[in-house]
Amino acid sequence: MGQALAVDIPMDAGLAAARLESKTCYAVLKYKGKLVGYELGGDLLVSSGGRLTIVPSASSHDVGDGQPRRYEGGGLSFDINPLSDEKTETIKDITYTIKERATAVLVEKGKRRRFKLDVLLSCA
């Protein structure tokens, strides 16, 4: 059996809890309904080789701005290309969400995979 790629390993949300609690805005990335990573503070958090890996941003774009985002580091390259988004804003309670559909290309250990992502950015 071959090596598992980042999106093949189900991510345990508890692994990232401490890091997520320190941020007020972060995006959850899902592939076919399964959690595959988080975007927050210029980093992408994914499970690679059974460990939580931080992949730094190689672009200056964010969820919801309609621009492609790229993350590179630690032997991973992850490109996210937005297809559409839907924004919700609640001023009084300071709730802000963006739902984004995107295509992604993951290059890990020389293997390239394309897939569709559901991205949900939440700020509170």
PDB file of N, CA and C in Angstrom:
ATOM      1  N   MET A   1       0.836  -1.176   0.000  1.00  0.00           N
ATOM      2  CA  MET A   1       0.000   0.000   0.000  1.00  0.00           C
ATOM      3  C   MET A   1       0.887   1.247   0.000  1.00  0.00           C
ATOM      4  N   GLY A   2       0.532   2.273  -0.815  1.00  0.00           N
ATOM      5  CA  GLY A   2       1.332   3.486  -0.923  1.00  0.00           C
ATOM      6  C   GLY A   2       1.161   4.426   0.250  1.00  0.00           C
ATOM      7  N   GLN A   3       1.960   5.475   0.236  1.00  0.00           N
ATOM      8  CA  GLN A   3       1.892   6.503   1.269  1.00  0.00           C
ATOM      9  C   GLN A   3       0.569   7.256   1.155  1.00  0.00           C
ATOM     10  N   ALA A   4      -0.010   7.596   2.274  1.00  0.00           N
ATOM     11  CA  ALA A   4      -1.245   8.385   2.294  1.00  0.00           C
ATOM     12  C   ALA A   4      -0.916   9.847   2.040  1.00  0.00           C
ATOM     13  N   LEU A   5      -1.721  10.497   1.246  1.00  0.00           N
ATOM     14  CA  LEU A   5      -1.552  11.919   0.987  1.00  0.00           C
ATOM     15  C   LEU A   5      -2.329  12.726   2.013  1.00  0.00           C
ATOM     16  N   ALA A   6      -2.070  14.022   2.061  1.00  0.00           N
ATOM     17  CA  ALA A   6      -2.677  14.883   3.077  1.00  0.00           C
ATOM     18  C   ALA A   6      -4.197  14.780   3.106  1.00  0.00           C
ATOM     19  N   VAL A   7      -4.844  14.749   1.947  1.00  0.00           N
ATOM     20  CA  VAL A   7      -6.306  14.720   1.948  1.00  0.00           C
ATOM     21  C   VAL A   7      -6.866  13.327   2.183  1.00  0.00           C
ATOM     22  N   ASP A   8      -6.015  12.307   2.240  1.00  0.00           N
ATOM     23  CA  ASP A   8      -6.472  10.949   2.512  1.00  0.00           C
ATOM     24  C   ASP A   8      -6.578  10.661   3.997  1.00  0.00           C
ATOM     25  N   ILE A   9      -5.932  11.454   4.815  1.00  0.00           N
ATOM     26  CA  ILE A   9      -5.887  11.211   6.253  1.00  0.00           C
ATOM     27  C   ILE A   9      -6.945  12.076   6.921  1.00  0.00           C
ATOM     28  N   PRO A  10      -7.959  11.487   7.540  1.00  0.00           N
ATOM     29  CA  PRO A  10      -8.963  12.299   8.228  1.00  0.00           C
ATOM     30  C   PRO A  10      -8.296  13.135   9.320  1.00  0.00           C
ATOM     31  N   MET A  11      -8.631  14.412   9.370  1.00  0.00           N
ATOM     32  CA  MET A  11      -8.018  15.282  10.366  1.00  0.00           C
ATOM     33  C   MET A  11      -8.828  15.259  11.646  1.00  0.00           C
ATOM     34  N   ASP A  12      -8.162  15.145  12.747  1.00  0.00           N
ATOM     35  CA  ASP A  12      -8.779  15.220  14.063  1.00  0.00           C
ATOM     36  C   ASP A  12      -8.863  16.701  14.430  1.00  0.00           C
ATOM     37  N   ALA A  13     -10.069  17.241  14.481  1.00  0.00           N
ATOM     38  CA  ALA A  13     -10.250  18.665  14.770  1.00  0.00           C
ATOM     39  C   ALA A  13      -9.605  19.059  16.090  1.00  0.00           C
ATOM     40  N   GLY A  14      -9.522  18.134  17.034  1.00  0.00           N
ATOM     41  CA  GLY A  14      -8.911  18.425  18.328  1.00  0.00           C
ATOM     42  C   GLY A  14      -7.439  18.767  18.232  1.00  0.00           C
ATOM     43  N   LEU A  15      -6.754  18.278  17.195  1.00  0.00           N
ATOM     44  CA  LEU A  15      -5.327  18.562  17.038  1.00  0.00           C
ATOM     45  C   LEU A  15      -5.056  20.055  16.862  1.00  0.00           C
ATOM     46  N   ALA A  16      -5.983  20.736  16.227  1.00  0.00           N
ATOM     47  CA  ALA A  16      -5.772  22.146  15.932  1.00  0.00           C
ATOM     48  C   ALA A  16      -6.482  23.075  16.905  1.00  0.00           C
ATOM     49  N   ALA A  17      -7.152  22.544  17.907  1.00  0.00           N
ATOM     50  CA  ALA A  17      -7.991  23.353  18.799  1.00  0.00           C
ATOM     51  C   ALA A  17      -7.241  24.504  19.452  1.00  0.00           C
ATOM     52  N   ALA A  18      -6.078  24.262  20.000  1.00  0.00           N
ATOM     53  CA  ALA A  18      -5.333  25.321  20.691  1.00  0.00           C
ATOM     54  C   ALA A  18      -4.961  26.439  19.733  1.00  0.00           C
ATOM     55  N   ARG A  19      -4.543  26.080  18.543  1.00  0.00           N
ATOM     56  CA  ARG A  19      -4.157  27.089  17.561  1.00  0.00           C
ATOM     57  C   ARG A  19      -5.378  27.871  17.083  1.00  0.00           C
ATOM     58  N   LEU A  20      -6.507  27.195  16.897  1.00  0.00           N
ATOM     59  CA  LEU A  20      -7.712  27.868  16.435  1.00  0.00           C
ATOM     60  C   LEU A  20      -8.277  28.815  17.480  1.00  0.00           C
ATOM     61  N   GLU A  21      -8.175  28.455  18.758  1.00  0.00           N
ATOM     62  CA  GLU A  21      -8.717  29.296  19.819  1.00  0.00           C
ATOM     63  C   GLU A  21      -8.014  30.643  19.895  1.00  0.00           C
ATOM     64  N   SER A  22      -6.781  30.726  19.411  1.00  0.00           N
ATOM     65  CA  SER A  22      -6.035  31.974  19.484  1.00  0.00           C
ATOM     66  C   SER A  22      -6.410  32.933  18.351  1.00  0.00           C
ATOM     67  N   LYS A  23      -7.250  32.499  17.418  1.00  0.00           N
ATOM     68  CA  LYS A  23      -7.660  33.325  16.285  1.00  0.00           C
ATOM     69  C   LYS A  23      -9.152  33.620  16.374  1.00  0.00           C
ATOM     70  N   THR A  24      -9.576  34.767  15.799  1.00  0.00           N
ATOM     71  CA  THR A  24     -10.999  35.064  15.768  1.00  0.00           C
ATOM     72  C   THR A  24     -11.616  34.694  14.429  1.00  0.00           C
ATOM     73  N   CYS A  25     -10.810  34.585  13.378  1.00  0.00           N
ATOM     74  CA  CYS A  25     -11.300  34.203  12.057  1.00  0.00           C
ATOM     75  C   CYS A  25     -10.485  33.030  11.530  1.00  0.00           C
ATOM     76  N   TYR A  26     -11.182  32.029  11.036  1.00  0.00           N
ATOM     77  CA  TYR A  26     -10.489  30.923  10.379  1.00  0.00           C
ATOM     78  C   TYR A  26     -11.451  30.236   9.424  1.00  0.00           C
ATOM     79  N   ALA A  27     -10.895  29.563   8.436  1.00  0.00           N
ATOM     80  CA  ALA A  27     -11.698  28.856   7.444  1.00  0.00           C
ATOM     81  C   ALA A  27     -11.508  27.357   7.599  1.00  0.00           C
ATOM     82  N   VAL A  28     -12.602  26.631   7.472  1.00  0.00           N
ATOM     83  CA  VAL A  28     -12.598  25.172   7.521  1.00  0.00           C
ATOM     84  C   VAL A  28     -12.667  24.673   6.081  1.00  0.00           C
ATOM     85  N   LEU A  29     -11.771  23.772   5.691  1.00  0.00           N
ATOM     86  CA  LEU A  29     -11.740  23.205   4.353  1.00  0.00           C
ATOM     87  C   LEU A  29     -12.246  21.770   4.399  1.00  0.00           C
ATOM     88  N   LYS A  30     -13.251  21.485   3.567  1.00  0.00           N
ATOM     89  CA  LYS A  30     -13.803  20.129   3.520  1.00  0.00           C
ATOM     90  C   LYS A  30     -13.783  19.611   2.088  1.00  0.00           C
ATOM     91  N   TYR A  31     -13.491  18.319   1.972  1.00  0.00           N
ATOM     92  CA  TYR A  31     -13.492  17.611   0.703  1.00  0.00           C
ATOM     93  C   TYR A  31     -14.438  16.426   0.845  1.00  0.00           C
ATOM     94  N   LYS A  32     -15.507  16.414   0.042  1.00  0.00           N
ATOM     95  CA  LYS A  32     -16.542  15.376   0.134  1.00  0.00           C
ATOM     96  C   LYS A  32     -17.076  15.248   1.556  1.00  0.00           C
ATOM     97  N   GLY A  33     -17.265  16.384   2.225  1.00  0.00           N
ATOM     98  CA  GLY A  33     -17.837  16.409   3.566  1.00  0.00           C
ATOM     99  C   GLY A  33     -16.873  16.108   4.695  1.00  0.00           C
ATOM    100  N   LYS A  34     -15.616  15.793   4.384  1.00  0.00           N
ATOM    101  CA  LYS A  34     -14.639  15.470   5.427  1.00  0.00           C
ATOM    102  C   LYS A  34     -13.654  16.615   5.614  1.00  0.00           C
ATOM    103  N   LEU A  35     -13.341  16.890   6.859  1.00  0.00           N
ATOM    104  CA  LEU A  35     -12.392  17.943   7.201  1.00  0.00           C
ATOM    105  C   LEU A  35     -11.007  17.582   6.682  1.00  0.00           C
ATOM    106  N   VAL A  36     -10.408  18.494   5.900  1.00  0.00           N
ATOM    107  CA  VAL A  36      -9.051  18.252   5.402  1.00  0.00           C
ATOM    108  C   VAL A  36      -8.065  19.327   5.829  1.00  0.00           C
ATOM    109  N   GLY A  37      -8.559  20.448   6.358  1.00  0.00           N
ATOM    110  CA  GLY A  37      -7.628  21.480   6.787  1.00  0.00           C
ATOM    111  C   GLY A  37      -8.311  22.746   7.250  1.00  0.00           C
ATOM    112  N   TYR A  38      -7.457  23.685   7.647  1.00  0.00           N
ATOM    113  CA  TYR A  38      -7.898  25.002   8.094  1.00  0.00           C
ATOM    114  C   TYR A  38      -7.017  26.059   7.439  1.00  0.00           C
ATOM    115  N   GLU A  39      -7.611  27.210   7.114  1.00  0.00           N
ATOM    116  CA  GLU A  39      -6.851  28.384   6.701  1.00  0.00           C
ATOM    117  C   GLU A  39      -6.995  29.401   7.821  1.00  0.00           C
ATOM    118  N   LEU A  40      -5.871  29.864   8.346  1.00  0.00           N
ATOM    119  CA  LEU A  40      -5.931  30.899   9.369  1.00  0.00           C
ATOM    120  C   LEU A  40      -4.619  31.639   9.470  1.00  0.00           C
ATOM    121  N   GLY A  41      -4.741  32.944   9.655  1.00  0.00           N
ATOM    122  CA  GLY A  41      -3.575  33.796   9.872  1.00  0.00           C
ATOM    123  C   GLY A  41      -2.450  33.608   8.873  1.00  0.00           C
ATOM    124  N   GLY A  42      -2.763  33.388   7.604  1.00  0.00           N
ATOM    125  CA  GLY A  42      -1.727  33.220   6.600  1.00  0.00           C
ATOM    126  C   GLY A  42      -1.137  31.825   6.530  1.00  0.00           C
ATOM    127  N   ASP A  43      -1.680  30.890   7.265  1.00  0.00           N
ATOM    128  CA  ASP A  43      -1.193  29.511   7.254  1.00  0.00           C
ATOM    129  C   ASP A  43      -2.304  28.554   6.842  1.00  0.00           C
ATOM    130  N   LEU A  44      -1.901  27.417   6.306  1.00  0.00           N
ATOM    131  CA  LEU A  44      -2.798  26.309   6.029  1.00  0.00           C
ATOM    132  C   LEU A  44      -2.406  25.193   6.981  1.00  0.00           C
ATOM    133  N   LEU A  45      -3.364  24.664   7.713  1.00  0.00           N
ATOM    134  CA  LEU A  45      -3.110  23.536   8.610  1.00  0.00           C
ATOM    135  C   LEU A  45      -3.722  22.292   7.983  1.00  0.00           C
ATOM    136  N   VAL A  46      -2.896  21.283   7.709  1.00  0.00           N
ATOM    137  CA  VAL A  46      -3.376  20.023   7.138  1.00  0.00           C
ATOM    138  C   VAL A  46      -2.701  18.858   7.841  1.00  0.00           C
ATOM    139  N   SER A  47      -3.303  17.707   7.717  1.00  0.00           N
ATOM    140  CA  SER A  47      -2.714  16.488   8.249  1.00  0.00           C
ATOM    141  C   SER A  47      -1.869  15.866   7.146  1.00  0.00           C
ATOM    142  N   SER A  48      -0.587  15.681   7.406  1.00  0.00           N
ATOM    143  CA  SER A  48       0.316  15.081   6.429  1.00  0.00           C
ATOM    144  C   SER A  48       1.189  14.063   7.141  1.00  0.00           C
ATOM    145  N   GLY A  49       1.188  12.850   6.654  1.00  0.00           N
ATOM    146  CA  GLY A  49       1.972  11.804   7.294  1.00  0.00           C
ATOM    147  C   GLY A  49       1.505  11.501   8.701  1.00  0.00           C
ATOM    148  N   GLY A  50       0.213  11.753   8.978  1.00  0.00           N
ATOM    149  CA  GLY A  50      -0.336  11.485  10.300  1.00  0.00           C
ATOM    150  C   GLY A  50      -0.070  12.570  11.322  1.00  0.00           C
ATOM    151  N   ARG A  51       0.556  13.682  10.891  1.00  0.00           N
ATOM    152  CA  ARG A  51       0.849  14.787  11.815  1.00  0.00           C
ATOM    153  C   ARG A  51       0.243  16.076  11.291  1.00  0.00           C
ATOM    154  N   LEU A  52      -0.082  16.980  12.207  1.00  0.00           N
ATOM    155  CA  LEU A  52      -0.589  18.289  11.829  1.00  0.00           C
ATOM    156  C   LEU A  52       0.569  19.101  11.273  1.00  0.00           C
ATOM    157  N   THR A  53       0.426  19.591  10.056  1.00  0.00           N
ATOM    158  CA  THR A  53       1.481  20.332   9.378  1.00  0.00           C
ATOM    159  C   THR A  53       1.011  21.750   9.099  1.00  0.00           C
ATOM    160  N   ILE A  54       1.879  22.721   9.349  1.00  0.00           N
ATOM    161  CA  ILE A  54       1.593  24.122   9.058  1.00  0.00           C
ATOM    162  C   ILE A  54       2.284  24.463   7.748  1.00  0.00           C
ATOM    163  N   VAL A  55       1.505  24.897   6.759  1.00  0.00           N
ATOM    164  CA  VAL A  55       2.042  25.256   5.450  1.00  0.00           C
ATOM    165  C   VAL A  55       1.829  26.759   5.272  1.00  0.00           C
ATOM    166  N   PRO A  56       2.920  27.550   5.183  1.00  0.00           N
ATOM    167  CA  PRO A  56       2.778  29.004   5.075  1.00  0.00           C
ATOM    168  C   PRO A  56       2.232  29.459   3.717  1.00  0.00           C
ATOM    169  N   SER A  57       1.570  30.601   3.741  1.00  0.00           N
ATOM    170  CA  SER A  57       1.008  31.177   2.526  1.00  0.00           C
ATOM    171  C   SER A  57       2.122  31.711   1.633  1.00  0.00           C
ATOM    172  N   ALA A  58       1.956  31.485   0.322  1.00  0.00           N
ATOM    173  CA  ALA A  58       2.893  32.022  -0.662  1.00  0.00           C
ATOM    174  C   ALA A  58       2.188  33.099  -1.493  1.00  0.00           C
ATOM    175  N   SER A  59       1.016  33.542  -1.032  1.00  0.00           N
ATOM    176  CA  SER A  59       0.269  34.597  -1.713  1.00  0.00           C
ATOM    177  C   SER A  59      -0.312  35.541  -0.666  1.00  0.00           C
ATOM    178  N   SER A  60      -0.852  36.652  -1.135  1.00  0.00           N
ATOM    179  CA  SER A  60      -1.387  37.641  -0.191  1.00  0.00           C
ATOM    180  C   SER A  60      -2.912  37.730  -0.250  1.00  0.00           C
ATOM    181  N   HIS A  61      -3.559  36.672  -0.722  1.00  0.00           N
ATOM    182  CA  HIS A  61      -5.011  36.698  -0.871  1.00  0.00           C
ATOM    183  C   HIS A  61      -5.703  35.928   0.243  1.00  0.00           C
ATOM    184  N   ASP A  62      -6.987  36.253   0.450  1.00  0.00           N
ATOM    185  CA  ASP A  62      -7.770  35.641   1.520  1.00  0.00           C
ATOM    186  C   ASP A  62      -9.050  35.017   0.976  1.00  0.00           C
ATOM    187  N   VAL A  63      -9.695  34.220   1.814  1.00  0.00           N
ATOM    188  CA  VAL A  63     -10.996  33.635   1.483  1.00  0.00           C
ATOM    189  C   VAL A  63     -11.977  34.768   1.200  1.00  0.00           C
ATOM    190  N   GLY A  64     -12.712  34.660   0.100  1.00  0.00           N
ATOM    191  CA  GLY A  64     -13.748  35.632  -0.208  1.00  0.00           C
ATOM    192  C   GLY A  64     -13.334  36.769  -1.109  1.00  0.00           C
ATOM    193  N   ASP A  65     -12.029  36.899  -1.422  1.00  0.00           N
ATOM    194  CA  ASP A  65     -11.636  38.003  -2.301  1.00  0.00           C
ATOM    195  C   ASP A  65     -11.613  37.593  -3.777  1.00  0.00           C
ATOM    196  N   GLY A  66     -11.960  36.328  -4.064  1.00  0.00           N
ATOM    197  CA  GLY A  66     -12.057  35.868  -5.442  1.00  0.00           C
ATOM    198  C   GLY A  66     -10.734  35.566  -6.117  1.00  0.00           C
ATOM    199  N   GLN A  67      -9.640  35.696  -5.404  1.00  0.00           N
ATOM    200  CA  GLN A  67      -8.309  35.477  -5.973  1.00  0.00           C
ATOM    201  C   GLN A  67      -7.751  34.109  -5.560  1.00  0.00           C
ATOM    202  N   PRO A  68      -6.936  33.491  -6.423  1.00  0.00           N
ATOM    203  CA  PRO A  68      -6.313  32.208  -6.061  1.00  0.00           C
ATOM    204  C   PRO A  68      -5.377  32.360  -4.863  1.00  0.00           C
ATOM    205  N   ARG A  69      -5.327  31.308  -4.043  1.00  0.00           N
ATOM    206  CA  ARG A  69      -4.436  31.298  -2.875  1.00  0.00           C
ATOM    207  C   ARG A  69      -3.460  30.144  -3.020  1.00  0.00           C
ATOM    208  N   ARG A  70      -2.215  30.355  -2.583  1.00  0.00           N
ATOM    209  CA  ARG A  70      -1.183  29.326  -2.689  1.00  0.00           C
ATOM    210  C   ARG A  70      -0.478  29.177  -1.350  1.00  0.00           C
ATOM    211  N   TYR A  71      -0.267  27.935  -0.960  1.00  0.00           N
ATOM    212  CA  TYR A  71       0.470  27.604   0.258  1.00  0.00           C
ATOM    213  C   TYR A  71       1.600  26.664  -0.132  1.00  0.00           C
ATOM    214  N   GLU A  72       2.815  26.928   0.381  1.00  0.00           N
ATOM    215  CA  GLU A  72       3.976  26.096   0.059  1.00  0.00           C
ATOM    216  C   GLU A  72       4.858  25.926   1.276  1.00  0.00           C
ATOM    217  N   GLY A  73       5.374  24.717   1.443  1.00  0.00           N
ATOM    218  CA  GLY A  73       6.322  24.455   2.519  1.00  0.00           C
ATOM    219  C   GLY A  73       6.221  23.030   3.013  1.00  0.00           C
ATOM    220  N   GLY A  74       7.302  22.541   3.582  1.00  0.00           N
ATOM    221  CA  GLY A  74       7.312  21.204   4.162  1.00  0.00           C
ATOM    222  C   GLY A  74       7.020  20.097   3.170  1.00  0.00           C
ATOM    223  N   GLY A  75       7.406  20.300   1.907  1.00  0.00           N
ATOM    224  CA  GLY A  75       7.157  19.281   0.892  1.00  0.00           C
ATOM    225  C   GLY A  75       5.752  19.295   0.321  1.00  0.00           C
ATOM    226  N   LEU A  76       4.942  20.285   0.711  1.00  0.00           N
ATOM    227  CA  LEU A  76       3.567  20.402   0.214  1.00  0.00           C
ATOM    228  C   LEU A  76       3.396  21.672  -0.605  1.00  0.00           C
ATOM    229  N   SER A  77       2.579  21.589  -1.619  1.00  0.00           N
ATOM    230  CA  SER A  77       2.156  22.752  -2.387  1.00  0.00           C
ATOM    231  C   SER A  77       0.643  22.625  -2.524  1.00  0.00           C
ATOM    232  N   PHE A  78      -0.088  23.678  -2.170  1.00  0.00           N
ATOM    233  CA  PHE A  78      -1.547  23.624  -2.147  1.00  0.00           C
ATOM    234  C   PHE A  78      -2.078  24.890  -2.796  1.00  0.00           C
ATOM    235  N   ASP A  79      -2.752  24.750  -3.938  1.00  0.00           N
ATOM    236  CA  ASP A  79      -3.348  25.886  -4.639  1.00  0.00           C
ATOM    237  C   ASP A  79      -4.863  25.803  -4.531  1.00  0.00           C
ATOM    238  N   ILE A  80      -5.485  26.912  -4.142  1.00  0.00           N
ATOM    239  CA  ILE A  80      -6.945  26.983  -4.016  1.00  0.00           C
ATOM    240  C   ILE A  80      -7.446  28.060  -4.977  1.00  0.00           C
ATOM    241  N   ASN A  81      -8.339  27.666  -5.883  1.00  0.00           N
ATOM    242  CA  ASN A  81      -8.905  28.595  -6.858  1.00  0.00           C
ATOM    243  C   ASN A  81     -10.408  28.715  -6.631  1.00  0.00           C
ATOM    244  N   PRO A  82     -10.865  29.869  -6.127  1.00  0.00           N
ATOM    245  CA  PRO A  82     -12.291  30.064  -5.837  1.00  0.00           C
ATOM    246  C   PRO A  82     -13.157  29.988  -7.097  1.00  0.00           C
ATOM    247  N   LEU A  83     -14.308  29.347  -6.970  1.00  0.00           N
ATOM    248  CA  LEU A  83     -15.290  29.292  -8.052  1.00  0.00           C
ATOM    249  C   LEU A  83     -16.452  30.231  -7.770  1.00  0.00           C
ATOM    250  N   SER A  84     -16.926  30.241  -6.519  1.00  0.00           N
ATOM    251  CA  SER A  84     -18.037  31.108  -6.120  1.00  0.00           C
ATOM    252  C   SER A  84     -17.998  31.298  -4.615  1.00  0.00           C
ATOM    253  N   ASP A  85     -18.663  32.361  -4.160  1.00  0.00           N
ATOM    254  CA  ASP A  85     -18.763  32.549  -2.712  1.00  0.00           C
ATOM    255  C   ASP A  85     -20.081  33.200  -2.340  1.00  0.00           C
ATOM    256  N   GLU A  86     -20.438  33.032  -1.086  1.00  0.00           N
ATOM    257  CA  GLU A  86     -21.668  33.589  -0.523  1.00  0.00           C
ATOM    258  C   GLU A  86     -21.295  34.194   0.826  1.00  0.00           C
ATOM    259  N   LYS A  87     -21.619  35.468   1.033  1.00  0.00           N
ATOM    260  CA  LYS A  87     -21.223  36.156   2.264  1.00  0.00           C
ATOM    261  C   LYS A  87     -22.424  36.434   3.154  1.00  0.00           C
ATOM    262  N   THR A  88     -22.208  36.295   4.456  1.00  0.00           N
ATOM    263  CA  THR A  88     -23.214  36.615   5.468  1.00  0.00           C
ATOM    264  C   THR A  88     -22.558  37.550   6.472  1.00  0.00           C
ATOM    265  N   GLU A  89     -23.262  38.590   6.855  1.00  0.00           N
ATOM    266  CA  GLU A  89     -22.674  39.548   7.790  1.00  0.00           C
ATOM    267  C   GLU A  89     -23.699  39.929   8.844  1.00  0.00           C
ATOM    268  N   THR A  90     -23.315  39.895  10.107  1.00  0.00           N
ATOM    269  CA  THR A  90     -24.155  40.339  11.214  1.00  0.00           C
ATOM    270  C   THR A  90     -23.351  41.368  11.993  1.00  0.00           C
ATOM    271  N   ILE A  91     -23.630  42.610  11.815  1.00  0.00           N
ATOM    272  CA  ILE A  91     -22.844  43.684  12.417  1.00  0.00           C
ATOM    273  C   ILE A  91     -22.931  43.700  13.939  1.00  0.00           C
ATOM    274  N   LYS A  92     -24.140  43.642  14.487  1.00  0.00           N
ATOM    275  CA  LYS A  92     -24.326  43.804  15.930  1.00  0.00           C
ATOM    276  C   LYS A  92     -23.611  42.723  16.745  1.00  0.00           C
ATOM    277  N   ASP A  93     -23.745  41.467  16.339  1.00  0.00           N
ATOM    278  CA  ASP A  93     -23.097  40.376  17.068  1.00  0.00           C
ATOM    279  C   ASP A  93     -21.712  40.043  16.517  1.00  0.00           C
ATOM    280  N   ILE A  94     -21.230  40.845  15.572  1.00  0.00           N
ATOM    281  CA  ILE A  94     -19.915  40.672  14.956  1.00  0.00           C
ATOM    282  C   ILE A  94     -19.722  39.258  14.385  1.00  0.00           C
ATOM    283  N   THR A  95     -20.710  38.749  13.709  1.00  0.00           N
ATOM    284  CA  THR A  95     -20.600  37.453  13.052  1.00  0.00           C
ATOM    285  C   THR A  95     -20.432  37.688  11.559  1.00  0.00           C
ATOM    286  N   TYR A  96     -19.439  37.061  10.980  1.00  0.00           N
ATOM    287  CA  TYR A  96     -19.165  37.212   9.559  1.00  0.00           C
ATOM    288  C   TYR A  96     -18.783  35.849   9.002  1.00  0.00           C
ATOM    289  N   THR A  97     -19.462  35.401   7.962  1.00  0.00           N
ATOM    290  CA  THR A  97     -19.127  34.115   7.358  1.00  0.00           C
ATOM    291  C   THR A  97     -19.029  34.247   5.844  1.00  0.00           C
ATOM    292  N   ILE A  98     -18.191  33.425   5.257  1.00  0.00           N
ATOM    293  CA  ILE A  98     -18.085  33.313   3.806  1.00  0.00           C
ATOM    294  C   ILE A  98     -18.094  31.826   3.479  1.00  0.00           C
ATOM    295  N   LYS A  99     -19.012  31.435   2.598  1.00  0.00           N
ATOM    296  CA  LYS A  99     -19.025  30.064   2.084  1.00  0.00           C
ATOM    297  C   LYS A  99     -18.459  30.129   0.674  1.00  0.00           C
ATOM    298  N   GLU A 100     -17.448  29.338   0.422  1.00  0.00           N
ATOM    299  CA  GLU A 100     -16.769  29.377  -0.867  1.00  0.00           C
ATOM    300  C   GLU A 100     -16.683  27.970  -1.457  1.00  0.00           C
ATOM    301  N   ARG A 101     -16.951  27.866  -2.752  1.00  0.00           N
ATOM    302  CA  ARG A 101     -16.689  26.631  -3.501  1.00  0.00           C
ATOM    303  C   ARG A 101     -15.403  26.893  -4.267  1.00  0.00           C
ATOM    304  N   ALA A 102     -14.517  25.911  -4.265  1.00  0.00           N
ATOM    305  CA  ALA A 102     -13.220  26.116  -4.903  1.00  0.00           C
ATOM    306  C   ALA A 102     -12.690  24.807  -5.472  1.00  0.00           C
ATOM    307  N   THR A 103     -11.793  24.943  -6.434  1.00  0.00           N
ATOM    308  CA  THR A 103     -11.021  23.790  -6.884  1.00  0.00           C
ATOM    309  C   THR A 103      -9.655  23.904  -6.234  1.00  0.00           C
ATOM    310  N   ALA A 104      -9.026  22.780  -6.014  1.00  0.00           N
ATOM    311  CA  ALA A 104      -7.713  22.794  -5.375  1.00  0.00           C
ATOM    312  C   ALA A 104      -6.791  21.803  -6.068  1.00  0.00           C
ATOM    313  N   VAL A 105      -5.501  22.123  -6.025  1.00  0.00           N
ATOM    314  CA  VAL A 105      -4.471  21.223  -6.525  1.00  0.00           C
ATOM    315  C   VAL A 105      -3.477  21.031  -5.396  1.00  0.00           C
ATOM    316  N   LEU A 106      -3.276  19.786  -5.024  1.00  0.00           N
ATOM    317  CA  LEU A 106      -2.322  19.432  -3.976  1.00  0.00           C
ATOM    318  C   LEU A 106      -1.167  18.676  -4.610  1.00  0.00           C
ATOM    319  N   VAL A 107       0.062  19.119  -4.321  1.00  0.00           N
ATOM    320  CA  VAL A 107       1.247  18.376  -4.730  1.00  0.00           C
ATOM    321  C   VAL A 107       1.957  17.971  -3.449  1.00  0.00           C
ATOM    322  N   GLU A 108       2.046  16.659  -3.233  1.00  0.00           N
ATOM    323  CA  GLU A 108       2.684  16.121  -2.039  1.00  0.00           C
ATOM    324  C   GLU A 108       3.531  14.927  -2.445  1.00  0.00           C
ATOM    325  N   LYS A 109       4.805  14.973  -2.105  1.00  0.00           N
ATOM    326  CA  LYS A 109       5.744  13.889  -2.441  1.00  0.00           C
ATOM    327  C   LYS A 109       5.724  13.593  -3.933  1.00  0.00           C
ATOM    328  N   GLY A 110       5.663  14.656  -4.739  1.00  0.00           N
ATOM    329  CA  GLY A 110       5.692  14.509  -6.187  1.00  0.00           C
ATOM    330  C   GLY A 110       4.381  14.079  -6.820  1.00  0.00           C
ATOM    331  N   LYS A 111       3.375  13.802  -6.028  1.00  0.00           N
ATOM    332  CA  LYS A 111       2.074  13.386  -6.562  1.00  0.00           C
ATOM    333  C   LYS A 111       1.125  14.576  -6.586  1.00  0.00           C
ATOM    334  N   ARG A 112       0.424  14.727  -7.708  1.00  0.00           N
ATOM    335  CA  ARG A 112      -0.499  15.846  -7.907  1.00  0.00           C
ATOM    336  C   ARG A 112      -1.930  15.323  -7.873  1.00  0.00           C
ATOM    337  N   ARG A 113      -2.780  16.017  -7.107  1.00  0.00           N
ATOM    338  CA  ARG A 113      -4.210  15.672  -7.035  1.00  0.00           C
ATOM    339  C   ARG A 113      -5.049  16.924  -7.197  1.00  0.00           C
ATOM    340  N   ARG A 114      -6.138  16.789  -7.920  1.00  0.00           N
ATOM    341  CA  ARG A 114      -7.110  17.881  -8.086  1.00  0.00           C
ATOM    342  C   ARG A 114      -8.409  17.449  -7.417  1.00  0.00           C
ATOM    343  N   PHE A 115      -9.063  18.398  -6.765  1.00  0.00           N
ATOM    344  CA  PHE A 115     -10.338  18.092  -6.128  1.00  0.00           C
ATOM    345  C   PHE A 115     -11.101  19.372  -5.869  1.00  0.00           C
ATOM    346  N   LYS A 116     -12.370  19.241  -5.484  1.00  0.00           N
ATOM    347  CA  LYS A 116     -13.213  20.397  -5.157  1.00  0.00           C
ATOM    348  C   LYS A 116     -13.322  20.529  -3.654  1.00  0.00           C
ATOM    349  N   LEU A 117     -13.295  21.762  -3.190  1.00  0.00           N
ATOM    350  CA  LEU A 117     -13.368  22.058  -1.760  1.00  0.00           C
ATOM    351  C   LEU A 117     -14.602  22.882  -1.438  1.00  0.00           C
ATOM    352  N   ASP A 118     -15.118  22.682  -0.240  1.00  0.00           N
ATOM    353  CA  ASP A 118     -16.082  23.588   0.370  1.00  0.00           C
ATOM    354  C   ASP A 118     -15.316  24.299   1.474  1.00  0.00           C
ATOM    355  N   VAL A 119     -15.287  25.623   1.412  1.00  0.00           N
ATOM    356  CA  VAL A 119     -14.546  26.427   2.383  1.00  0.00           C
ATOM    357  C   VAL A 119     -15.550  27.281   3.155  1.00  0.00           C
ATOM    358  N   LEU A 120     -15.464  27.259   4.477  1.00  0.00           N
ATOM    359  CA  LEU A 120     -16.341  28.087   5.307  1.00  0.00           C
ATOM    360  C   LEU A 120     -15.481  28.924   6.237  1.00  0.00           C
ATOM    361  N   LEU A 121     -15.451  30.231   5.994  1.00  0.00           N
ATOM    362  CA  LEU A 121     -14.729  31.169   6.850  1.00  0.00           C
ATOM    363  C   LEU A 121     -15.705  31.707   7.886  1.00  0.00           C
ATOM    364  N   SER A 122     -15.302  31.677   9.146  1.00  0.00           N
ATOM    365  CA  SER A 122     -16.133  32.201  10.237  1.00  0.00           C
ATOM    366  C   SER A 122     -15.331  33.176  11.077  1.00  0.00           C
ATOM    367  N   CYS A 123     -15.944  34.285  11.392  1.00  0.00           N
ATOM    368  CA  CYS A 123     -15.352  35.271  12.296  1.00  0.00           C
ATOM    369  C   CYS A 123     -16.382  35.583  13.373  1.00  0.00           C
ATOM    370  N   ALA A 124     -15.924  35.696  14.590  1.00  0.00           N
ATOM    371  CA  ALA A 124     -16.840  36.024  15.681  1.00  0.00           C
ATOM    372  C   ALA A 124     -16.183  36.984  16.647  1.00  0.00           C
TER     373      ALA A 124
END
